[in-house]
């Protein structure tokens, strides 16, 4: 019985977490400026993006260089991943 009550409590606690705390955010943009290394402030699509050593960089559709189209994925305030994309993803 104690185990069942614990499971019910944990399940209900998850439901009380705000939706925006569970969901990630993503956007597409062109790299305008980036540091020589990985970590630091990048400018992507007019936004300053704080990249850390924990940020995953994916270059499947080309190098992450100035002028490249990328998708930036956040989880909370942290940048989880920057991934190169086809240029058409950044055209408006």
PDB file of N, CA and C in Angstrom:
ATOM      1  N   UNK A   1       0.818  -1.193   0.000  1.00  0.00           N
ATOM      2  CA  UNK A   1       0.000   0.000   0.000  1.00  0.00           C
ATOM      3  C   UNK A   1       0.863   1.259   0.000  1.00  0.00           C
ATOM      4  N   UNK A   2       1.927   1.228   0.792  1.00  0.00           N
ATOM      5  CA  UNK A   2       2.823   2.376   0.853  1.00  0.00           C
ATOM      6  C   UNK A   2       3.457   2.652  -0.509  1.00  0.00           C
ATOM      7  N   UNK A   3       3.787   1.590  -1.201  1.00  0.00           N
ATOM      8  CA  UNK A   3       4.399   1.717  -2.527  1.00  0.00           C
ATOM      9  C   UNK A   3       3.422   2.350  -3.520  1.00  0.00           C
ATOM     10  N   UNK A   4       2.170   1.958  -3.464  1.00  0.00           N
ATOM     11  CA  UNK A   4       1.134   2.501  -4.342  1.00  0.00           C
ATOM     12  C   UNK A   4       0.949   3.989  -4.069  1.00  0.00           C
ATOM     13  N   UNK A   5       0.899   4.370  -2.811  1.00  0.00           N
ATOM     14  CA  UNK A   5       0.745   5.781  -2.450  1.00  0.00           C
ATOM     15  C   UNK A   5       1.938   6.610  -2.927  1.00  0.00           C
ATOM     16  N   UNK A   6       3.123   6.052  -2.820  1.00  0.00           N
ATOM     17  CA  UNK A   6       4.318   6.743  -3.297  1.00  0.00           C
ATOM     18  C   UNK A   6       4.240   6.963  -4.801  1.00  0.00           C
ATOM     19  N   UNK A   7       3.833   5.946  -5.549  1.00  0.00           N
ATOM     20  CA  UNK A   7       3.708   6.081  -6.992  1.00  0.00           C
ATOM     21  C   UNK A   7       2.654   7.118  -7.374  1.00  0.00           C
ATOM     22  N   UNK A   8       1.557   7.138  -6.662  1.00  0.00           N
ATOM     23  CA  UNK A   8       0.501   8.123  -6.932  1.00  0.00           C
ATOM     24  C   UNK A   8       1.029   9.528  -6.656  1.00  0.00           C
ATOM     25  N   UNK A   9       1.734   9.692  -5.551  1.00  0.00           N
ATOM     26  CA  UNK A   9       2.285  10.999  -5.205  1.00  0.00           C
ATOM     27  C   UNK A   9       3.268  11.477  -6.264  1.00  0.00           C
ATOM     28  N   UNK A  10       4.188  10.611  -6.672  1.00  0.00           N
ATOM     29  CA  UNK A  10       5.177  10.992  -7.688  1.00  0.00           C
ATOM     30  C   UNK A  10       4.519  11.320  -9.022  1.00  0.00           C
ATOM     31  N   UNK A  11       3.519  10.555  -9.399  1.00  0.00           N
ATOM     32  CA  UNK A  11       2.804  10.809 -10.649  1.00  0.00           C
ATOM     33  C   UNK A  11       2.106  12.159 -10.612  1.00  0.00           C
ATOM     34  N   UNK A  12       1.472  12.471  -9.503  1.00  0.00           N
ATOM     35  CA  UNK A  12       0.773  13.761  -9.410  1.00  0.00           C
ATOM     36  C   UNK A  12       1.757  14.920  -9.346  1.00  0.00           C
ATOM     37  N   UNK A  13       2.924  14.717  -8.753  1.00  0.00           N
ATOM     38  CA  UNK A  13       3.936  15.777  -8.684  1.00  0.00           C
ATOM     39  C   UNK A  13       4.424  16.148 -10.080  1.00  0.00           C
ATOM     40  N   UNK A  14       4.579  15.170 -10.938  1.00  0.00           N
ATOM     41  CA  UNK A  14       5.013  15.429 -12.311  1.00  0.00           C
ATOM     42  C   UNK A  14       3.976  16.276 -13.041  1.00  0.00           C
ATOM     43  N   UNK A  15       2.714  16.029 -12.802  1.00  0.00           N
ATOM     44  CA  UNK A  15       1.653  16.786 -13.460  1.00  0.00           C
ATOM     45  C   UNK A  15       1.609  18.234 -13.009  1.00  0.00           C
ATOM     46  N   UNK A  16       2.120  18.542 -11.835  1.00  0.00           N
ATOM     47  CA  UNK A  16       2.098  19.914 -11.324  1.00  0.00           C
ATOM     48  C   UNK A  16       3.245  20.752 -11.857  1.00  0.00           C
ATOM     49  N   UNK A  17       4.234  20.141 -12.477  1.00  0.00           N
ATOM     50  CA  UNK A  17       5.350  20.897 -13.052  1.00  0.00           C
ATOM     51  C   UNK A  17       4.818  21.690 -14.232  1.00  0.00           C
ATOM     52  N   UNK A  18       5.129  22.980 -14.325  1.00  0.00           N
ATOM     53  CA  UNK A  18       4.640  23.783 -15.452  1.00  0.00           C
ATOM     54  C   UNK A  18       5.089  23.193 -16.787  1.00  0.00           C
ATOM     55  N   UNK A  19       4.233  23.310 -17.785  1.00  0.00           N
ATOM     56  CA  UNK A  19       4.516  22.734 -19.098  1.00  0.00           C
ATOM     57  C   UNK A  19       5.792  23.301 -19.698  1.00  0.00           C
ATOM     58  N   UNK A  20       6.046  24.606 -19.525  1.00  0.00           N
ATOM     59  CA  UNK A  20       7.239  25.193 -20.131  1.00  0.00           C
ATOM     60  C   UNK A  20       8.523  24.707 -19.474  1.00  0.00           C
ATOM     61  N   UNK A  21       8.455  24.184 -18.254  1.00  0.00           N
ATOM     62  CA  UNK A  21       9.635  23.641 -17.600  1.00  0.00           C
ATOM     63  C   UNK A  21       9.983  22.267 -18.158  1.00  0.00           C
ATOM     64  N   UNK A  22       9.000  21.575 -18.723  1.00  0.00           N
ATOM     65  CA  UNK A  22       9.242  20.250 -19.281  1.00  0.00           C
ATOM     66  C   UNK A  22       9.635  20.333 -20.754  1.00  0.00           C
ATOM     67  N   UNK A  23       9.134  21.329 -21.447  1.00  0.00           N
ATOM     68  CA  UNK A  23       9.337  21.416 -22.889  1.00  0.00           C
ATOM     69  C   UNK A  23      10.608  22.177 -23.219  1.00  0.00           C
ATOM     70  N   UNK A  24      11.207  21.820 -24.333  1.00  0.00           N
ATOM     71  CA  UNK A  24      12.360  22.537 -24.830  1.00  0.00           C
ATOM     72  C   UNK A  24      11.932  23.545 -25.877  1.00  0.00           C
ATOM     73  N   UNK A  25      12.851  24.402 -26.225  1.00  0.00           N
ATOM     74  CA  UNK A  25      12.611  25.398 -27.258  1.00  0.00           C
ATOM     75  C   UNK A  25      13.630  25.176 -28.352  1.00  0.00           C
ATOM     76  N   UNK A  26      13.258  25.497 -29.570  1.00  0.00           N
ATOM     77  CA  UNK A  26      14.209  25.405 -30.677  1.00  0.00           C
ATOM     78  C   UNK A  26      13.929  26.534 -31.649  1.00  0.00           C
ATOM     79  N   UNK A  27      14.977  26.934 -32.371  1.00  0.00           N
ATOM     80  CA  UNK A  27      14.803  27.910 -33.435  1.00  0.00           C
ATOM     81  C   UNK A  27      15.873  27.689 -34.494  1.00  0.00           C
ATOM     82  N   UNK A  28      15.605  28.203 -35.687  1.00  0.00           N
ATOM     83  CA  UNK A  28      16.545  28.136 -36.793  1.00  0.00           C
ATOM     84  C   UNK A  28      17.125  29.521 -37.016  1.00  0.00           C
ATOM     85  N   UNK A  29      18.387  29.577 -37.392  1.00  0.00           N
ATOM     86  CA  UNK A  29      19.023  30.853 -37.681  1.00  0.00           C
ATOM     87  C   UNK A  29      20.368  30.635 -38.332  1.00  0.00           C
ATOM     88  N   UNK A  30      20.929  31.733 -38.822  1.00  0.00           N
ATOM     89  CA  UNK A  30      22.242  31.707 -39.462  1.00  0.00           C
ATOM     90  C   UNK A  30      23.282  32.142 -38.428  1.00  0.00           C
ATOM     91  N   UNK A  31      24.400  31.425 -38.392  1.00  0.00           N
ATOM     92  CA  UNK A  31      25.492  31.804 -37.493  1.00  0.00           C
ATOM     93  C   UNK A  31      26.082  33.115 -37.996  1.00  0.00           C
ATOM     94  N   UNK A  32      26.040  34.130 -37.144  1.00  0.00           N
ATOM     95  CA  UNK A  32      26.571  35.443 -37.495  1.00  0.00           C
ATOM     96  C   UNK A  32      27.949  35.673 -36.886  1.00  0.00           C
ATOM     97  N   UNK A  33      28.171  35.071 -35.713  1.00  0.00           N
ATOM     98  CA  UNK A  33      29.448  35.218 -35.018  1.00  0.00           C
ATOM     99  C   UNK A  33      29.582  34.063 -34.046  1.00  0.00           C
ATOM    100  N   UNK A  34      30.801  33.570 -33.887  1.00  0.00           N
ATOM    101  CA  UNK A  34      31.064  32.507 -32.914  1.00  0.00           C
ATOM    102  C   UNK A  34      32.504  32.588 -32.450  1.00  0.00           C
ATOM    103  N   UNK A  35      32.798  32.077 -31.254  1.00  0.00           N
ATOM    104  CA  UNK A  35      34.181  32.079 -30.780  1.00  0.00           C
ATOM    105  C   UNK A  35      35.010  31.043 -31.543  1.00  0.00           C
ATOM    106  N   UNK A  36      36.322  31.128 -31.414  1.00  0.00           N
ATOM    107  CA  UNK A  36      37.188  30.147 -32.085  1.00  0.00           C
ATOM    108  C   UNK A  36      36.979  28.746 -31.540  1.00  0.00           C
ATOM    109  N   UNK A  37      36.770  28.634 -30.259  1.00  0.00           N
ATOM    110  CA  UNK A  37      36.508  27.326 -29.647  1.00  0.00           C
ATOM    111  C   UNK A  37      35.018  27.060 -29.597  1.00  0.00           C
ATOM    112  N   UNK A  38      34.663  26.050 -28.850  1.00  0.00           N
ATOM    113  CA  UNK A  38      33.251  25.665 -28.729  1.00  0.00           C
ATOM    114  C   UNK A  38      32.491  26.578 -27.771  1.00  0.00           C
ATOM    115  N   UNK A  39      33.008  26.724 -26.561  1.00  0.00           N
ATOM    116  CA  UNK A  39      32.300  27.461 -25.515  1.00  0.00           C
ATOM    117  C   UNK A  39      32.428  28.965 -25.699  1.00  0.00           C
ATOM    118  N   UNK A  40      31.362  29.650 -25.350  1.00  0.00           N
ATOM    119  CA  UNK A  40      31.357  31.102 -25.435  1.00  0.00           C
ATOM    120  C   UNK A  40      30.038  31.596 -25.999  1.00  0.00           C
ATOM    121  N   UNK A  41      29.998  32.869 -26.335  1.00  0.00           N
ATOM    122  CA  UNK A  41      28.782  33.474 -26.860  1.00  0.00           C
ATOM    123  C   UNK A  41      28.793  33.430 -28.380  1.00  0.00           C
ATOM    124  N   UNK A  42      27.765  32.810 -28.930  1.00  0.00           N
ATOM    125  CA  UNK A  42      27.558  32.750 -30.370  1.00  0.00           C
ATOM    126  C   UNK A  42      26.420  33.717 -30.705  1.00  0.00           C
ATOM    127  N   UNK A  43      26.441  34.298 -31.900  1.00  0.00           N
ATOM    128  CA  UNK A  43      25.325  35.107 -32.382  1.00  0.00           C
ATOM    129  C   UNK A  43      24.683  34.314 -33.509  1.00  0.00           C
ATOM    130  N   UNK A  44      23.431  33.892 -33.289  1.00  0.00           N
ATOM    131  CA  UNK A  44      22.713  33.069 -34.256  1.00  0.00           C
ATOM    132  C   UNK A  44      21.336  33.670 -34.480  1.00  0.00           C
ATOM    133  N   UNK A  45      21.051  34.025 -35.708  1.00  0.00           N
ATOM    134  CA  UNK A  45      19.739  34.571 -36.040  1.00  0.00           C
ATOM    135  C   UNK A  45      19.378  35.800 -35.224  1.00  0.00           C
ATOM    136  N   UNK A  46      20.365  36.628 -34.912  1.00  0.00           N
ATOM    137  CA  UNK A  46      20.121  37.833 -34.137  1.00  0.00           C
ATOM    138  C   UNK A  46      20.021  37.624 -32.638  1.00  0.00           C
ATOM    139  N   UNK A  47      20.243  36.406 -32.176  1.00  0.00           N
ATOM    140  CA  UNK A  47      20.181  36.094 -30.743  1.00  0.00           C
ATOM    141  C   UNK A  47      21.568  35.726 -30.230  1.00  0.00           C
ATOM    142  N   UNK A  48      21.880  36.185 -29.027  1.00  0.00           N
ATOM    143  CA  UNK A  48      23.103  35.734 -28.374  1.00  0.00           C
ATOM    144  C   UNK A  48      22.814  34.378 -27.731  1.00  0.00           C
ATOM    145  N   UNK A  49      23.667  33.420 -27.996  1.00  0.00           N
ATOM    146  CA  UNK A  49      23.482  32.052 -27.516  1.00  0.00           C
ATOM    147  C   UNK A  49      24.708  31.664 -26.695  1.00  0.00           C
ATOM    148  N   UNK A  50      24.505  31.292 -25.443  1.00  0.00           N
ATOM    149  CA  UNK A  50      25.605  30.890 -24.558  1.00  0.00           C
ATOM    150  C   UNK A  50      25.849  29.392 -24.693  1.00  0.00           C
ATOM    151  N   UNK A  51      26.961  29.040 -25.316  1.00  0.00           N
ATOM    152  CA  UNK A  51      27.322  27.642 -25.554  1.00  0.00           C
ATOM    153  C   UNK A  51      28.362  27.216 -24.516  1.00  0.00           C
ATOM    154  N   UNK A  52      28.158  26.033 -23.943  1.00  0.00           N
ATOM    155  CA  UNK A  52      29.087  25.493 -22.951  1.00  0.00           C
ATOM    156  C   UNK A  52      29.743  24.230 -23.505  1.00  0.00           C
ATOM    157  N   UNK A  53      30.646  23.680 -22.728  1.00  0.00           N
ATOM    158  CA  UNK A  53      31.288  22.429 -23.118  1.00  0.00           C
ATOM    159  C   UNK A  53      30.287  21.276 -23.165  1.00  0.00           C
ATOM    160  N   UNK A  54      29.152  21.409 -22.487  1.00  0.00           N
ATOM    161  CA  UNK A  54      28.122  20.365 -22.483  1.00  0.00           C
ATOM    162  C   UNK A  54      27.233  20.411 -23.723  1.00  0.00           C
ATOM    163  N   UNK A  55      27.278  21.514 -24.469  1.00  0.00           N
ATOM    164  CA  UNK A  55      26.440  21.647 -25.655  1.00  0.00           C
ATOM    165  C   UNK A  55      26.924  20.680 -26.738  1.00  0.00           C
ATOM    166  N   UNK A  56      25.985  19.932 -27.313  1.00  0.00           N
ATOM    167  CA  UNK A  56      26.303  18.987 -28.385  1.00  0.00           C
ATOM    168  C   UNK A  56      26.309  19.741 -29.717  1.00  0.00           C
ATOM    169  N   UNK A  57      27.369  19.570 -30.490  1.00  0.00           N
ATOM    170  CA  UNK A  57      27.473  20.193 -31.808  1.00  0.00           C
ATOM    171  C   UNK A  57      27.397  19.111 -32.879  1.00  0.00           C
ATOM    172  N   UNK A  58      26.444  19.260 -33.808  1.00  0.00           N
ATOM    173  CA  UNK A  58      26.237  18.288 -34.886  1.00  0.00           C
ATOM    174  C   UNK A  58      26.507  18.970 -36.220  1.00  0.00           C
ATOM    175  N   UNK A  59      27.392  18.398 -37.018  1.00  0.00           N
ATOM    176  CA  UNK A  59      27.755  18.982 -38.311  1.00  0.00           C
ATOM    177  C   UNK A  59      27.393  18.062 -39.482  1.00  0.00           C
ATOM    178  N   UNK A  60      26.258  17.388 -39.382  1.00  0.00           N
ATOM    179  CA  UNK A  60      25.841  16.452 -40.430  1.00  0.00           C
ATOM    180  C   UNK A  60      25.565  17.141 -41.756  1.00  0.00           C
ATOM    181  N   UNK A  61      25.051  18.383 -41.725  1.00  0.00           N
ATOM    182  CA  UNK A  61      24.719  19.100 -42.958  1.00  0.00           C
ATOM    183  C   UNK A  61      25.713  20.213 -43.262  1.00  0.00           C
ATOM    184  N   UNK A  62      26.928  20.097 -42.738  1.00  0.00           N
ATOM    185  CA  UNK A  62      27.966  21.077 -43.016  1.00  0.00           C
ATOM    186  C   UNK A  62      28.602  21.607 -41.742  1.00  0.00           C
ATOM    187  N   UNK A  63      29.717  22.324 -41.888  1.00  0.00           N
ATOM    188  CA  UNK A  63      30.419  22.848 -40.723  1.00  0.00           C
ATOM    189  C   UNK A  63      29.640  23.972 -40.040  1.00  0.00           C
ATOM    190  N   UNK A  64      29.835  24.102 -38.753  1.00  0.00           N
ATOM    191  CA  UNK A  64      29.189  25.159 -37.970  1.00  0.00           C
ATOM    192  C   UNK A  64      30.055  26.416 -38.053  1.00  0.00           C
ATOM    193  N   UNK A  65      30.035  27.032 -39.221  1.00  0.00           N
ATOM    194  CA  UNK A  65      30.834  28.222 -39.502  1.00  0.00           C
ATOM    195  C   UNK A  65      29.917  29.418 -39.715  1.00  0.00           C
ATOM    196  N   UNK A  66      30.485  30.619 -39.648  1.00  0.00           N
ATOM    197  CA  UNK A  66      29.719  31.833 -39.919  1.00  0.00           C
ATOM    198  C   UNK A  66      29.063  31.699 -41.289  1.00  0.00           C
ATOM    199  N   UNK A  67      27.766  31.995 -41.352  1.00  0.00           N
ATOM    200  CA  UNK A  67      26.999  31.885 -42.592  1.00  0.00           C
ATOM    201  C   UNK A  67      26.194  30.609 -42.708  1.00  0.00           C
ATOM    202  N   UNK A  68      26.461  29.641 -41.828  1.00  0.00           N
ATOM    203  CA  UNK A  68      25.754  28.352 -41.886  1.00  0.00           C
ATOM    204  C   UNK A  68      24.386  28.461 -41.211  1.00  0.00           C
ATOM    205  N   UNK A  69      23.415  27.741 -41.770  1.00  0.00           N
ATOM    206  CA  UNK A  69      22.083  27.622 -41.175  1.00  0.00           C
ATOM    207  C   UNK A  69      22.138  26.531 -40.115  1.00  0.00           C
ATOM    208  N   UNK A  70      21.569  26.818 -38.930  1.00  0.00           N
ATOM    209  CA  UNK A  70      21.587  25.854 -37.842  1.00  0.00           C
ATOM    210  C   UNK A  70      20.250  25.820 -37.114  1.00  0.00           C
ATOM    211  N   UNK A  71      20.033  24.730 -36.403  1.00  0.00           N
ATOM    212  CA  UNK A  71      18.925  24.619 -35.459  1.00  0.00           C
ATOM    213  C   UNK A  71      19.539  24.641 -34.067  1.00  0.00           C
ATOM    214  N   UNK A  72      18.993  25.488 -33.204  1.00  0.00           N
ATOM    215  CA  UNK A  72      19.455  25.588 -31.824  1.00  0.00           C
ATOM    216  C   UNK A  72      18.366  25.020 -30.930  1.00  0.00           C
ATOM    217  N   UNK A  73      18.739  24.077 -30.072  1.00  0.00           N
ATOM    218  CA  UNK A  73      17.781  23.453 -29.161  1.00  0.00           C
ATOM    219  C   UNK A  73      18.145  23.788 -27.723  1.00  0.00           C
ATOM    220  N   UNK A  74      17.149  24.317 -26.992  1.00  0.00           N
ATOM    221  CA  UNK A  74      17.295  24.648 -25.573  1.00  0.00           C
ATOM    222  C   UNK A  74      16.531  23.651 -24.729  1.00  0.00           C
ATOM    223  N   UNK A  75      16.991  23.473 -23.523  1.00  0.00           N
ATOM    224  CA  UNK A  75      16.235  22.780 -22.486  1.00  0.00           C
ATOM    225  C   UNK A  75      16.347  23.674 -21.268  1.00  0.00           C
ATOM    226  N   UNK A  76      15.282  24.371 -20.947  1.00  0.00           N
ATOM    227  CA  UNK A  76      15.351  25.406 -19.914  1.00  0.00           C
ATOM    228  C   UNK A  76      16.160  26.574 -20.449  1.00  0.00           C
ATOM    229  N   UNK A  77      17.186  26.981 -19.720  1.00  0.00           N
ATOM    230  CA  UNK A  77      18.050  28.074 -20.173  1.00  0.00           C
ATOM    231  C   UNK A  77      19.326  27.582 -20.831  1.00  0.00           C
ATOM    232  N   UNK A  78      19.535  26.286 -20.852  1.00  0.00           N
ATOM    233  CA  UNK A  78      20.774  25.722 -21.383  1.00  0.00           C
ATOM    234  C   UNK A  78      20.619  25.339 -22.854  1.00  0.00           C
ATOM    235  N   UNK A  79      21.653  25.641 -23.642  1.00  0.00           N
ATOM    236  CA  UNK A  79      21.673  25.212 -25.040  1.00  0.00           C
ATOM    237  C   UNK A  79      22.103  23.755 -25.053  1.00  0.00           C
ATOM    238  N   UNK A  80      21.190  22.884 -25.465  1.00  0.00           N
ATOM    239  CA  UNK A  80      21.471  21.447 -25.504  1.00  0.00           C
ATOM    240  C   UNK A  80      22.249  21.056 -26.756  1.00  0.00           C
ATOM    241  N   UNK A  81      21.851  21.636 -27.910  1.00  0.00           N
ATOM    242  CA  UNK A  81      22.449  21.200 -29.171  1.00  0.00           C
ATOM    243  C   UNK A  81      22.374  22.306 -30.219  1.00  0.00           C
ATOM    244  N   UNK A  82      23.409  22.368 -31.040  1.00  0.00           N
ATOM    245  CA  UNK A  82      23.409  23.195 -32.242  1.00  0.00           C
ATOM    246  C   UNK A  82      23.713  22.246 -33.392  1.00  0.00           C
ATOM    247  N   UNK A  83      22.830  22.231 -34.376  1.00  0.00           N
ATOM    248  CA  UNK A  83      22.949  21.279 -35.477  1.00  0.00           C
ATOM    249  C   UNK A  83      22.884  22.011 -36.807  1.00  0.00           C
ATOM    250  N   UNK A  84      23.836  21.707 -37.700  1.00  0.00           N
ATOM    251  CA  UNK A  84      23.800  22.324 -39.031  1.00  0.00           C
ATOM    252  C   UNK A  84      22.576  21.816 -39.784  1.00  0.00           C
ATOM    253  N   UNK A  85      21.998  22.693 -40.604  1.00  0.00           N
ATOM    254  CA  UNK A  85      20.785  22.380 -41.357  1.00  0.00           C
ATOM    255  C   UNK A  85      20.942  22.828 -42.806  1.00  0.00           C
ATOM    256  N   UNK A  86      20.046  22.357 -43.636  1.00  0.00           N
ATOM    257  CA  UNK A  86      19.989  22.811 -45.020  1.00  0.00           C
ATOM    258  C   UNK A  86      19.684  24.315 -45.030  1.00  0.00           C
ATOM    259  N   UNK A  87      20.293  25.084 -45.930  1.00  0.00           N
ATOM    260  CA  UNK A  87      20.042  26.541 -45.976  1.00  0.00           C
ATOM    261  C   UNK A  87      18.567  26.906 -46.107  1.00  0.00           C
ATOM    262  N   UNK A  88      17.776  26.061 -46.733  1.00  0.00           N
ATOM    263  CA  UNK A  88      16.347  26.369 -46.920  1.00  0.00           C
ATOM    264  C   UNK A  88      15.596  26.500 -45.593  1.00  0.00           C
ATOM    265  N   UNK A  89      16.091  25.876 -44.529  1.00  0.00           N
ATOM    266  CA  UNK A  89      15.449  25.966 -43.213  1.00  0.00           C
ATOM    267  C   UNK A  89      15.545  27.371 -42.621  1.00  0.00           C
ATOM    268  N   UNK A  90      16.495  28.180 -43.092  1.00  0.00           N
ATOM    269  CA  UNK A  90      16.712  29.519 -42.553  1.00  0.00           C
ATOM    270  C   UNK A  90      16.141  30.621 -43.440  1.00  0.00           C
ATOM    271  N   UNK A  91      15.581  30.254 -44.576  1.00  0.00           N
ATOM    272  CA  UNK A  91      15.005  31.260 -45.464  1.00  0.00           C
ATOM    273  C   UNK A  91      13.599  31.566 -45.010  1.00  0.00           C
ATOM    274  N   UNK A  92      13.231  32.839 -45.102  1.00  0.00           N
ATOM    275  CA  UNK A  92      11.896  33.260 -44.676  1.00  0.00           C
ATOM    276  C   UNK A  92      10.984  33.473 -45.846  1.00  0.00           C
TER     277      UNK A  92
END
